[in-house]
Each structure stands twice: as C-alpha cells, then as structure tokens.
Amino acid sequence: MPNPVLPYQPSYVISGQQRQNVVVDFSDDRTRYGRKKGGRYFEYDLIFRNRQLAEFQAFQTFWQNNYPATLIDWTEPFQNVTHTGYFVSELSYEINFEGAIDYRVRIQTTAP
C-alpha cells in the first residue's frame, strides 16, 4: 500500500538540516577520533502560514492519523525531490486576529 502523501505544501522558506549520528572521542593529548553510525538523514521544519480553518482541520486529521509511526511522502517542489519519512514533532499553531492560522510540524526523512 502506498504511503500517505502530505496534503498541502508549506510556505517558503523551508528550514532543513542534513544530519548524521556520530561517535566522537578524545585521547589524553586531545586527539580527536570519530566515526559515523548509520546513514545520513534530513529534518525539515514545515511552516504553513496564513491558512484557512478548513485546511488546518484537514491537516490536523492527517497528522493525527499518521503521527508518530506512519511513513509519509512529501515532494519538495524546489528540487522536485520526494522524501519519505515520519512526523517527529507535535503540531503547533497560532491563530491570528483575522482568523488566518499559522501552523508548523517537523518531519524526518532518509536520504532521497
């Protein structure tokens, strides 16, 4: 069965990090030793600005159905790369006085 697809595109700018788990140790003379553990992965902060209530409610349902252990697909439009990963944060939001909603979530993906 295919993975659920993130139903909305975030607003730009998309903040991301390429990450790698490492083990680092120092000897008595401060010589540094290190090694990688596992593969690289990416984390993206997806921010959705000035959205309508209906979109926010639909995204809440999508997040509730897939957080924390369901793989999802998200196509990053700038590079046209599809990422597969998990939600790794709570869904946070702000409602402004005009009724528009800003919300954000973090996803963690493997290397594309």
PDB file of N, CA and C in Angstrom:
ATOM      1  N   MET A   1       0.844  -1.173   0.000  1.00  0.00           N
ATOM      2  CA  MET A   1       0.000   0.000   0.000  1.00  0.00           C
ATOM      3  C   MET A   1       0.895   1.245   0.000  1.00  0.00           C
ATOM      4  N   PRO A   2       0.598   2.240  -0.832  1.00  0.00           N
ATOM      5  CA  PRO A   2       1.454   3.440  -0.875  1.00  0.00           C
ATOM      6  C   PRO A   2       1.343   4.252   0.411  1.00  0.00           C
ATOM      7  N   ASN A   3       2.389   5.016   0.666  1.00  0.00           N
ATOM      8  CA  ASN A   3       2.405   5.893   1.839  1.00  0.00           C
ATOM      9  C   ASN A   3       1.439   7.048   1.630  1.00  0.00           C
ATOM     10  N   PRO A   4       0.834   7.559   2.733  1.00  0.00           N
ATOM     11  CA  PRO A   4       0.036   8.785   2.606  1.00  0.00           C
ATOM     12  C   PRO A   4       0.924   9.937   2.141  1.00  0.00           C
ATOM     13  N   VAL A   5       0.356  10.837   1.371  1.00  0.00           N
ATOM     14  CA  VAL A   5       1.088  11.984   0.836  1.00  0.00           C
ATOM     15  C   VAL A   5       0.683  13.231   1.601  1.00  0.00           C
ATOM     16  N   LEU A   6       1.675  14.022   2.010  1.00  0.00           N
ATOM     17  CA  LEU A   6       1.401  15.280   2.702  1.00  0.00           C
ATOM     18  C   LEU A   6       0.451  16.108   1.845  1.00  0.00           C
ATOM     19  N   PRO A   7      -0.731  16.464   2.376  1.00  0.00           N
ATOM     20  CA  PRO A   7      -1.770  17.042   1.515  1.00  0.00           C
ATOM     21  C   PRO A   7      -1.563  18.500   1.125  1.00  0.00           C
ATOM     22  N   TYR A   8      -0.696  19.239   1.792  1.00  0.00           N
ATOM     23  CA  TYR A   8      -0.507  20.662   1.489  1.00  0.00           C
ATOM     24  C   TYR A   8       0.973  20.970   1.423  1.00  0.00           C
ATOM     25  N   GLN A   9       1.327  21.970   0.627  1.00  0.00           N
ATOM     26  CA  GLN A   9       2.708  22.420   0.550  1.00  0.00           C
ATOM     27  C   GLN A   9       2.932  23.526   1.579  1.00  0.00           C
ATOM     28  N   PRO A  10       4.058  23.474   2.280  1.00  0.00           N
ATOM     29  CA  PRO A  10       4.352  24.527   3.246  1.00  0.00           C
ATOM     30  C   PRO A  10       4.681  25.837   2.553  1.00  0.00           C
ATOM     31  N   SER A  11       4.630  26.894   3.338  1.00  0.00           N
ATOM     32  CA  SER A  11       5.071  28.202   2.855  1.00  0.00           C
ATOM     33  C   SER A  11       6.592  28.187   2.796  1.00  0.00           C
ATOM     34  N   TYR A  12       7.132  29.037   1.957  1.00  0.00           N
ATOM     35  CA  TYR A  12       8.582  29.148   1.919  1.00  0.00           C
ATOM     36  C   TYR A  12       8.987  30.220   2.877  1.00  0.00           C
ATOM     37  N   VAL A  13      10.013  30.113   3.582  1.00  0.00           N
ATOM     38  CA  VAL A  13      11.237  29.361   3.455  1.00  0.00           C
ATOM     39  C   VAL A  13      11.105  28.042   4.226  1.00  0.00           C
ATOM     40  N   ILE A  14      11.664  26.952   3.674  1.00  0.00           N
ATOM     41  CA  ILE A  14      11.692  25.663   4.358  1.00  0.00           C
ATOM     42  C   ILE A  14      13.054  25.519   5.017  1.00  0.00           C
ATOM     43  N   SER A  15      13.038  25.336   6.311  1.00  0.00           N
ATOM     44  CA  SER A  15      14.276  25.171   7.064  1.00  0.00           C
ATOM     45  C   SER A  15      14.591  23.680   7.148  1.00  0.00           C
ATOM     46  N   GLY A  16      15.829  23.311   6.808  1.00  0.00           N
ATOM     47  CA  GLY A  16      16.201  21.902   6.842  1.00  0.00           C
ATOM     48  C   GLY A  16      17.596  21.708   7.383  1.00  0.00           C
ATOM     49  N   GLN A  17      17.864  20.484   7.810  1.00  0.00           N
ATOM     50  CA  GLN A  17      19.187  20.111   8.300  1.00  0.00           C
ATOM     51  C   GLN A  17      19.529  18.733   7.763  1.00  0.00           C
ATOM     52  N   GLN A  18      20.758  18.583   7.274  1.00  0.00           N
ATOM     53  CA  GLN A  18      21.273  17.258   6.958  1.00  0.00           C
ATOM     54  C   GLN A  18      21.993  16.786   8.201  1.00  0.00           C
ATOM     55  N   ARG A  19      21.638  15.596   8.686  1.00  0.00           N
ATOM     56  CA  ARG A  19      22.161  15.136   9.967  1.00  0.00           C
ATOM     57  C   ARG A  19      22.839  13.788   9.806  1.00  0.00           C
ATOM     58  N   GLN A  20      23.708  13.493  10.757  1.00  0.00           N
ATOM     59  CA  GLN A  20      24.433  12.221  10.775  1.00  0.00           C
ATOM     60  C   GLN A  20      24.730  11.890  12.235  1.00  0.00           C
ATOM     61  N   ASN A  21      24.408  10.687  12.669  1.00  0.00           N
ATOM     62  CA  ASN A  21      24.766  10.262  14.013  1.00  0.00           C
ATOM     63  C   ASN A  21      26.244   9.885  14.017  1.00  0.00           C
ATOM     64  N   VAL A  22      26.973  10.420  14.992  1.00  0.00           N
ATOM     65  CA  VAL A  22      28.404  10.164  15.087  1.00  0.00           C
ATOM     66  C   VAL A  22      28.781   9.875  16.538  1.00  0.00           C
ATOM     67  N   VAL A  23      29.918   9.207  16.682  1.00  0.00           N
ATOM     68  CA  VAL A  23      30.528   8.998  17.985  1.00  0.00           C
ATOM     69  C   VAL A  23      31.873   9.698  17.943  1.00  0.00           C
ATOM     70  N   VAL A  24      32.105  10.597  18.890  1.00  0.00           N
ATOM     71  CA  VAL A  24      33.354  11.354  18.936  1.00  0.00           C
ATOM     72  C   VAL A  24      34.006  11.114  20.289  1.00  0.00           C
ATOM     73  N   ASP A  25      35.318  10.896  20.267  1.00  0.00           N
ATOM     74  CA  ASP A  25      36.073  10.685  21.500  1.00  0.00           C
ATOM     75  C   ASP A  25      37.397  11.422  21.378  1.00  0.00           C
ATOM     76  N   PHE A  26      37.987  11.760  22.513  1.00  0.00           N
ATOM     77  CA  PHE A  26      39.268  12.454  22.556  1.00  0.00           C
ATOM     78  C   PHE A  26      40.249  11.643  23.387  1.00  0.00           C
ATOM     79  N   SER A  27      41.494  11.599  22.937  1.00  0.00           N
ATOM     80  CA  SER A  27      42.539  10.956  23.729  1.00  0.00           C
ATOM     81  C   SER A  27      43.077  11.968  24.747  1.00  0.00           C
ATOM     82  N   ASP A  28      44.034  11.528  25.572  1.00  0.00           N
ATOM     83  CA  ASP A  28      44.598  12.408  26.591  1.00  0.00           C
ATOM     84  C   ASP A  28      45.284  13.632  25.992  1.00  0.00           C
ATOM     85  N   ASP A  29      45.853  13.494  24.805  1.00  0.00           N
ATOM     86  CA  ASP A  29      46.521  14.639  24.179  1.00  0.00           C
ATOM     87  C   ASP A  29      45.568  15.460  23.305  1.00  0.00           C
ATOM     88  N   ARG A  30      44.277  15.240  23.446  1.00  0.00           N
ATOM     89  CA  ARG A  30      43.198  15.952  22.751  1.00  0.00           C
ATOM     90  C   ARG A  30      43.090  15.600  21.269  1.00  0.00           C
ATOM     91  N   THR A  31      43.702  14.477  20.871  1.00  0.00           N
ATOM     92  CA  THR A  31      43.495  13.993  19.518  1.00  0.00           C
ATOM     93  C   THR A  31      42.052  13.529  19.398  1.00  0.00           C
ATOM     94  N   ARG A  32      41.446  13.919  18.342  1.00  0.00           N
ATOM     95  CA  ARG A  32      40.015  13.634  18.151  1.00  0.00           C
ATOM     96  C   ARG A  32      39.836  12.387  17.284  1.00  0.00           C
ATOM     97  N   TYR A  33      38.952  11.510  17.726  1.00  0.00           N
ATOM     98  CA  TYR A  33      38.592  10.319  16.976  1.00  0.00           C
ATOM     99  C   TYR A  33      37.077  10.331  16.787  1.00  0.00           C
ATOM    100  N   GLY A  34      36.650   9.916  15.624  1.00  0.00           N
ATOM    101  CA  GLY A  34      35.213   9.889  15.395  1.00  0.00           C
ATOM    102  C   GLY A  34      34.837   8.882  14.337  1.00  0.00           C
ATOM    103  N   ARG A  35      33.584   8.456  14.410  1.00  0.00           N
ATOM    104  CA  ARG A  35      33.069   7.574  13.374  1.00  0.00           C
ATOM    105  C   ARG A  35      31.577   7.810  13.226  1.00  0.00           C
ATOM    106  N   LYS A  36      31.099   7.483  12.039  1.00  0.00           N
ATOM    107  CA  LYS A  36      29.682   7.637  11.738  1.00  0.00           C
ATOM    108  C   LYS A  36      28.932   6.378  12.148  1.00  0.00           C
ATOM    109  N   LYS A  37      27.694   6.573  12.561  1.00  0.00           N
ATOM    110  CA  LYS A  37      26.827   5.448  12.905  1.00  0.00           C
ATOM    111  C   LYS A  37      25.543   5.592  12.099  1.00  0.00           C
ATOM    112  N   GLY A  38      25.312   4.683  11.182  1.00  0.00           N
ATOM    113  CA  GLY A  38      24.113   4.743  10.365  1.00  0.00           C
ATOM    114  C   GLY A  38      24.270   5.714   9.215  1.00  0.00           C
ATOM    115  N   GLY A  39      23.194   5.887   8.482  1.00  0.00           N
ATOM    116  CA  GLY A  39      23.220   6.762   7.323  1.00  0.00           C
ATOM    117  C   GLY A  39      22.799   8.181   7.671  1.00  0.00           C
ATOM    118  N   ARG A  40      22.968   9.055   6.703  1.00  0.00           N
ATOM    119  CA  ARG A  40      22.545  10.434   6.904  1.00  0.00           C
ATOM    120  C   ARG A  40      21.024  10.507   6.812  1.00  0.00           C
ATOM    121  N   TYR A  41      20.485  11.548   7.396  1.00  0.00           N
ATOM    122  CA  TYR A  41      19.053  11.794   7.326  1.00  0.00           C
ATOM    123  C   TYR A  41      18.821  13.293   7.361  1.00  0.00           C
ATOM    124  N   PHE A  42      17.594  13.674   7.074  1.00  0.00           N
ATOM    125  CA  PHE A  42      17.246  15.087   6.977  1.00  0.00           C
ATOM    126  C   PHE A  42      16.083  15.397   7.899  1.00  0.00           C
ATOM    127  N   GLU A  43      16.079  16.609   8.444  1.00  0.00           N
ATOM    128  CA  GLU A  43      14.943  17.115   9.211  1.00  0.00           C
ATOM    129  C   GLU A  43      14.495  18.418   8.583  1.00  0.00           C
ATOM    130  N   TYR A  44      13.187  18.553   8.419  1.00  0.00           N
ATOM    131  CA  TYR A  44      12.609  19.751   7.823  1.00  0.00           C
ATOM    132  C   TYR A  44      11.557  20.326   8.750  1.00  0.00           C
ATOM    133  N   ASP A  45      11.627  21.633   8.977  1.00  0.00           N
ATOM    134  CA  ASP A  45      10.574  22.354   9.682  1.00  0.00           C
ATOM    135  C   ASP A  45       9.626  22.884   8.621  1.00  0.00           C
ATOM    136  N   LEU A  46       8.434  22.329   8.585  1.00  0.00           N
ATOM    137  CA  LEU A  46       7.449  22.755   7.595  1.00  0.00           C
ATOM    138  C   LEU A  46       6.498  23.735   8.256  1.00  0.00           C
ATOM    139  N   ILE A  47       6.450  24.943   7.718  1.00  0.00           N
ATOM    140  CA  ILE A  47       5.624  26.011   8.277  1.00  0.00           C
ATOM    141  C   ILE A  47       4.576  26.390   7.243  1.00  0.00           C
ATOM    142  N   PHE A  48       3.346  26.425   7.674  1.00  0.00           N
ATOM    143  CA  PHE A  48       2.214  26.754   6.818  1.00  0.00           C
ATOM    144  C   PHE A  48       1.634  28.069   7.335  1.00  0.00           C
ATOM    145  N   ARG A  49       1.760  29.136   6.568  1.00  0.00           N
ATOM    146  CA  ARG A  49       1.356  30.474   7.021  1.00  0.00           C
ATOM    147  C   ARG A  49       0.060  30.927   6.355  1.00  0.00           C
ATOM    148  N   ASN A  50      -0.723  31.663   7.145  1.00  0.00           N
ATOM    149  CA  ASN A  50      -1.966  32.298   6.653  1.00  0.00           C
ATOM    150  C   ASN A  50      -2.894  31.305   5.963  1.00  0.00           C
ATOM    151  N   ARG A  51      -3.204  30.217   6.652  1.00  0.00           N
ATOM    152  CA  ARG A  51      -4.063  29.190   6.092  1.00  0.00           C
ATOM    153  C   ARG A  51      -5.468  29.307   6.660  1.00  0.00           C
ATOM    154  N   GLN A  52      -6.402  28.758   5.933  1.00  0.00           N
ATOM    155  CA  GLN A  52      -7.806  28.796   6.352  1.00  0.00           C
ATOM    156  C   GLN A  52      -8.098  27.674   7.347  1.00  0.00           C
ATOM    157  N   LEU A  53      -9.173  27.848   8.105  1.00  0.00           N
ATOM    158  CA  LEU A  53      -9.556  26.886   9.126  1.00  0.00           C
ATOM    159  C   LEU A  53      -9.787  25.498   8.536  1.00  0.00           C
ATOM    160  N   ALA A  54     -10.442  25.404   7.392  1.00  0.00           N
ATOM    161  CA  ALA A  54     -10.737  24.097   6.791  1.00  0.00           C
ATOM    162  C   ALA A  54      -9.451  23.335   6.464  1.00  0.00           C
ATOM    163  N   GLU A  55      -8.452  24.040   5.926  1.00  0.00           N
ATOM    164  CA  GLU A  55      -7.174  23.383   5.636  1.00  0.00           C
ATOM    165  C   GLU A  55      -6.510  22.919   6.919  1.00  0.00           C
ATOM    166  N   PHE A  56      -6.514  23.776   7.937  1.00  0.00           N
ATOM    167  CA  PHE A  56      -5.884  23.417   9.203  1.00  0.00           C
ATOM    168  C   PHE A  56      -6.551  22.192   9.819  1.00  0.00           C
ATOM    169  N   GLN A  57      -7.870  22.148   9.792  1.00  0.00           N
ATOM    170  CA  GLN A  57      -8.574  20.989  10.357  1.00  0.00           C
ATOM    171  C   GLN A  57      -8.266  19.720   9.575  1.00  0.00           C
ATOM    172  N   ALA A  58      -8.174  19.818   8.258  1.00  0.00           N
ATOM    173  CA  ALA A  58      -7.815  18.653   7.449  1.00  0.00           C
ATOM    174  C   ALA A  58      -6.396  18.194   7.767  1.00  0.00           C
ATOM    175  N   PHE A  59      -5.479  19.156   7.957  1.00  0.00           N
ATOM    176  CA  PHE A  59      -4.105  18.792   8.298  1.00  0.00           C
ATOM    177  C   PHE A  59      -4.047  18.176   9.693  1.00  0.00           C
ATOM    178  N   GLN A  60      -4.817  18.688  10.635  1.00  0.00           N
ATOM    179  CA  GLN A  60      -4.871  18.083  11.974  1.00  0.00           C
ATOM    180  C   GLN A  60      -5.253  16.613  11.879  1.00  0.00           C
ATOM    181  N   THR A  61      -6.265  16.316  11.091  1.00  0.00           N
ATOM    182  CA  THR A  61      -6.705  14.935  10.928  1.00  0.00           C
ATOM    183  C   THR A  61      -5.607  14.091  10.298  1.00  0.00           C
ATOM    184  N   PHE A  62      -4.940  14.624   9.263  1.00  0.00           N
ATOM    185  CA  PHE A  62      -3.839  13.908   8.621  1.00  0.00           C
ATOM    186  C   PHE A  62      -2.726  13.630   9.622  1.00  0.00           C
ATOM    187  N   TRP A  63      -2.361  14.629  10.414  1.00  0.00           N
ATOM    188  CA  TRP A  63      -1.300  14.465  11.419  1.00  0.00           C
ATOM    189  C   TRP A  63      -1.703  13.428  12.460  1.00  0.00           C
ATOM    190  N   GLN A  64      -2.937  13.507  12.965  1.00  0.00           N
ATOM    191  CA  GLN A  64      -3.406  12.558  13.980  1.00  0.00           C
ATOM    192  C   GLN A  64      -3.385  11.125  13.456  1.00  0.00           C
ATOM    193  N   ASN A  65      -3.719  10.953  12.189  1.00  0.00           N
ATOM    194  CA  ASN A  65      -3.762   9.618  11.613  1.00  0.00           C
ATOM    195  C   ASN A  65      -2.378   9.042  11.340  1.00  0.00           C
ATOM    196  N   ASN A  66      -1.360   9.876  11.247  1.00  0.00           N
ATOM    197  CA  ASN A  66      -0.045   9.400  10.829  1.00  0.00           C
ATOM    198  C   ASN A  66       1.074   9.607  11.838  1.00  0.00           C
ATOM    199  N   TYR A  67       0.860  10.374  12.878  1.00  0.00           N
ATOM    200  CA  TYR A  67       1.896  10.613  13.898  1.00  0.00           C
ATOM    201  C   TYR A  67       1.806   9.520  14.949  1.00  0.00           C
ATOM    202  N   PRO A  68       2.858   8.910  15.394  1.00  0.00           N
ATOM    203  CA  PRO A  68       4.261   9.129  15.082  1.00  0.00           C
ATOM    204  C   PRO A  68       4.885   8.049  14.200  1.00  0.00           C
ATOM    205  N   ALA A  69       4.150   7.002  13.844  1.00  0.00           N
ATOM    206  CA  ALA A  69       4.822   5.826  13.295  1.00  0.00           C
ATOM    207  C   ALA A  69       4.447   5.455  11.868  1.00  0.00           C
ATOM    208  N   THR A  70       3.759   6.324  11.136  1.00  0.00           N
ATOM    209  CA  THR A  70       3.399   6.010   9.759  1.00  0.00           C
ATOM    210  C   THR A  70       4.287   6.798   8.806  1.00  0.00           C
ATOM    211  N   LEU A  71       4.885   6.092   7.855  1.00  0.00           N
ATOM    212  CA  LEU A  71       5.671   6.774   6.829  1.00  0.00           C
ATOM    213  C   LEU A  71       4.766   7.635   5.963  1.00  0.00           C
ATOM    214  N   ILE A  72       5.241   8.833   5.638  1.00  0.00           N
ATOM    215  CA  ILE A  72       4.513   9.719   4.730  1.00  0.00           C
ATOM    216  C   ILE A  72       5.458  10.158   3.623  1.00  0.00           C
ATOM    217  N   ASP A  73       4.894  10.566   2.503  1.00  0.00           N
ATOM    218  CA  ASP A  73       5.671  11.106   1.393  1.00  0.00           C
ATOM    219  C   ASP A  73       5.414  12.599   1.281  1.00  0.00           C
ATOM    220  N   TRP A  74       6.483  13.336   0.993  1.00  0.00           N
ATOM    221  CA  TRP A  74       6.379  14.775   0.760  1.00  0.00           C
ATOM    222  C   TRP A  74       7.288  15.127  -0.404  1.00  0.00           C
ATOM    223  N   THR A  75       6.736  15.778  -1.404  1.00  0.00           N
ATOM    224  CA  THR A  75       7.525  16.208  -2.550  1.00  0.00           C
ATOM    225  C   THR A  75       7.944  17.656  -2.340  1.00  0.00           C
ATOM    226  N   GLU A  76       9.242  17.850  -2.241  1.00  0.00           N
ATOM    227  CA  GLU A  76       9.805  19.190  -2.074  1.00  0.00           C
ATOM    228  C   GLU A  76       9.867  19.813  -3.464  1.00  0.00           C
ATOM    229  N   PRO A  77       9.077  20.864  -3.710  1.00  0.00           N
ATOM    230  CA  PRO A  77       8.903  21.342  -5.077  1.00  0.00           C
ATOM    231  C   PRO A  77      10.110  22.069  -5.673  1.00  0.00           C
ATOM    232  N   PHE A  78      10.962  22.661  -4.869  1.00  0.00           N
ATOM    233  CA  PHE A  78      12.085  23.423  -5.406  1.00  0.00           C
ATOM    234  C   PHE A  78      13.041  22.524  -6.189  1.00  0.00           C
ATOM    235  N   GLN A  79      13.368  21.363  -5.594  1.00  0.00           N
ATOM    236  CA  GLN A  79      14.264  20.416  -6.249  1.00  0.00           C
ATOM    237  C   GLN A  79      13.500  19.273  -6.910  1.00  0.00           C
ATOM    238  N   ASN A  80      12.181  19.249  -6.725  1.00  0.00           N
ATOM    239  CA  ASN A  80      11.320  18.178  -7.212  1.00  0.00           C
ATOM    240  C   ASN A  80      11.806  16.814  -6.718  1.00  0.00           C
ATOM    241  N   VAL A  81      12.042  16.726  -5.406  1.00  0.00           N
ATOM    242  CA  VAL A  81      12.516  15.509  -4.774  1.00  0.00           C
ATOM    243  C   VAL A  81      11.434  15.016  -3.824  1.00  0.00           C
ATOM    244  N   THR A  82      11.125  13.731  -3.897  1.00  0.00           N
ATOM    245  CA  THR A  82      10.155  13.144  -2.979  1.00  0.00           C
ATOM    246  C   THR A  82      10.893  12.543  -1.792  1.00  0.00           C
ATOM    247  N   HIS A  83      10.508  12.965  -0.605  1.00  0.00           N
ATOM    248  CA  HIS A  83      11.087  12.471   0.640  1.00  0.00           C
ATOM    249  C   HIS A  83      10.086  11.544   1.310  1.00  0.00           C
ATOM    250  N   THR A  84      10.586  10.501   1.940  1.00  0.00           N
ATOM    251  CA  THR A  84       9.758   9.579   2.712  1.00  0.00           C
ATOM    252  C   THR A  84      10.255   9.618   4.149  1.00  0.00           C
ATOM    253  N   GLY A  85       9.345   9.868   5.084  1.00  0.00           N
ATOM    254  CA  GLY A  85       9.767   9.959   6.479  1.00  0.00           C
ATOM    255  C   GLY A  85       8.598   9.994   7.428  1.00  0.00           C
ATOM    256  N   TYR A  86       8.874  10.486   8.621  1.00  0.00           N
ATOM    257  CA  TYR A  86       7.909  10.488   9.719  1.00  0.00           C
ATOM    258  C   TYR A  86       7.730  11.895  10.272  1.00  0.00           C
ATOM    259  N   PHE A  87       6.558  12.158  10.841  1.00  0.00           N
ATOM    260  CA  PHE A  87       6.393  13.331  11.686  1.00  0.00           C
ATOM    261  C   PHE A  87       7.182  13.066  12.961  1.00  0.00           C
ATOM    262  N   VAL A  88       7.978  14.031  13.408  1.00  0.00           N
ATOM    263  CA  VAL A  88       8.765  13.853  14.630  1.00  0.00           C
ATOM    264  C   VAL A  88       8.502  14.967  15.636  1.00  0.00           C
ATOM    265  N   SER A  89       7.430  15.715  15.436  1.00  0.00           N
ATOM    266  CA  SER A  89       7.107  16.773  16.391  1.00  0.00           C
ATOM    267  C   SER A  89       5.605  16.855  16.571  1.00  0.00           C
ATOM    268  N   GLU A  90       5.248  17.580  17.590  1.00  0.00           N
ATOM    269  CA  GLU A  90       3.845  17.908  17.800  1.00  0.00           C
ATOM    270  C   GLU A  90       3.438  18.911  16.724  1.00  0.00           C
ATOM    271  N   LEU A  91       2.154  19.050  16.527  1.00  0.00           N
ATOM    272  CA  LEU A  91       1.619  20.052  15.606  1.00  0.00           C
ATOM    273  C   LEU A  91       1.377  21.319  16.418  1.00  0.00           C
ATOM    274  N   SER A  92       2.074  22.390  16.084  1.00  0.00           N
ATOM    275  CA  SER A  92       1.875  23.642  16.814  1.00  0.00           C
ATOM    276  C   SER A  92       1.239  24.659  15.879  1.00  0.00           C
ATOM    277  N   TYR A  93       0.482  25.593  16.461  1.00  0.00           N
ATOM    278  CA  TYR A  93      -0.251  26.548  15.630  1.00  0.00           C
ATOM    279  C   TYR A  93      -0.508  27.837  16.373  1.00  0.00           C
ATOM    280  N   GLU A  94      -0.770  28.881  15.585  1.00  0.00           N
ATOM    281  CA  GLU A  94      -1.147  30.202  16.091  1.00  0.00           C
ATOM    282  C   GLU A  94      -2.318  30.693  15.256  1.00  0.00           C
ATOM    283  N   ILE A  95      -3.306  31.236  15.922  1.00  0.00           N
ATOM    284  CA  ILE A  95      -4.455  31.806  15.230  1.00  0.00           C
ATOM    285  C   ILE A  95      -4.363  33.314  15.382  1.00  0.00           C
ATOM    286  N   ASN A  96      -4.305  34.035  14.262  1.00  0.00           N
ATOM    287  CA  ASN A  96      -4.189  35.482  14.387  1.00  0.00           C
ATOM    288  C   ASN A  96      -5.566  36.137  14.412  1.00  0.00           C
ATOM    289  N   PHE A  97      -5.597  37.413  14.660  1.00  0.00           N
ATOM    290  CA  PHE A  97      -6.856  38.110  14.886  1.00  0.00           C
ATOM    291  C   PHE A  97      -7.753  38.160  13.653  1.00  0.00           C
ATOM    292  N   GLU A  98      -7.201  37.953  12.465  1.00  0.00           N
ATOM    293  CA  GLU A  98      -8.006  37.964  11.248  1.00  0.00           C
ATOM    294  C   GLU A  98      -8.582  36.592  10.915  1.00  0.00           C
ATOM    295  N   GLY A  99      -8.258  35.587  11.724  1.00  0.00           N
ATOM    296  CA  GLY A  99      -8.779  34.245  11.508  1.00  0.00           C
ATOM    297  C   GLY A  99      -7.861  33.333  10.725  1.00  0.00           C
ATOM    298  N   ALA A 100      -6.773  33.871  10.182  1.00  0.00           N
ATOM    299  CA  ALA A 100      -5.814  33.013   9.489  1.00  0.00           C
ATOM    300  C   ALA A 100      -5.009  32.227  10.522  1.00  0.00           C
ATOM    301  N   ILE A 101      -4.555  31.057  10.129  1.00  0.00           N
ATOM    302  CA  ILE A 101      -3.841  30.163  11.039  1.00  0.00           C
ATOM    303  C   ILE A 101      -2.462  29.886  10.476  1.00  0.00           C
ATOM    304  N   ASP A 102      -1.464  29.982  11.345  1.00  0.00           N
ATOM    305  CA  ASP A 102      -0.107  29.548  11.024  1.00  0.00           C
ATOM    306  C   ASP A 102       0.131  28.267  11.806  1.00  0.00           C
ATOM    307  N   TYR A 103       0.604  27.232  11.135  1.00  0.00           N
ATOM    308  CA  TYR A 103       0.924  26.006  11.857  1.00  0.00           C
ATOM    309  C   TYR A 103       2.225  25.423  11.341  1.00  0.00           C
ATOM    310  N   ARG A 104       2.834  24.568  12.169  1.00  0.00           N
ATOM    311  CA  ARG A 104       4.132  24.008  11.823  1.00  0.00           C
ATOM    312  C   ARG A 104       4.260  22.599  12.360  1.00  0.00           C
ATOM    313  N   VAL A 105       5.096  21.839  11.671  1.00  0.00           N
ATOM    314  CA  VAL A 105       5.391  20.475  12.079  1.00  0.00           C
ATOM    315  C   VAL A 105       6.783  20.131  11.561  1.00  0.00           C
ATOM    316  N   ARG A 106       7.443  19.206  12.186  1.00  0.00           N
ATOM    317  CA  ARG A 106       8.776  18.773  11.754  1.00  0.00           C
ATOM    318  C   ARG A 106       8.679  17.346  11.237  1.00  0.00           C
ATOM    319  N   ILE A 107       9.358  17.100  10.119  1.00  0.00           N
ATOM    320  CA  ILE A 107       9.441  15.740   9.603  1.00  0.00           C
ATOM    321  C   ILE A 107      10.901  15.337   9.514  1.00  0.00           C
ATOM    322  N   GLN A 108      11.129  14.031   9.608  1.00  0.00           N
ATOM    323  CA  GLN A 108      12.477  13.469   9.499  1.00  0.00           C
ATOM    324  C   GLN A 108      12.442  12.442   8.380  1.00  0.00           C
ATOM    325  N   THR A 109      13.355  12.577   7.423  1.00  0.00           N
ATOM    326  CA  THR A 109      13.355  11.708   6.255  1.00  0.00           C
ATOM    327  C   THR A 109      14.721  11.072   6.054  1.00  0.00           C
ATOM    328  N   THR A 110      14.737   9.995   5.300  1.00  0.00           N
ATOM    329  CA  THR A 110      16.000   9.394   4.904  1.00  0.00           C
ATOM    330  C   THR A 110      16.517  10.125   3.685  1.00  0.00           C
ATOM    331  N   ALA A 111      17.716   9.830   3.287  1.00  0.00           N
ATOM    332  CA  ALA A 111      18.300  10.479   2.112  1.00  0.00           C
ATOM    333  C   ALA A 111      17.478  10.136   0.875  1.00  0.00           C
ATOM    334  N   PRO A 112      17.178  11.136   0.045  1.00  0.00           N
ATOM    335  CA  PRO A 112      16.386  10.863  -1.172  1.00  0.00           C
ATOM    336  C   PRO A 112      17.162  10.048  -2.194  1.00  0.00           C
TER     337      PRO A 112
END
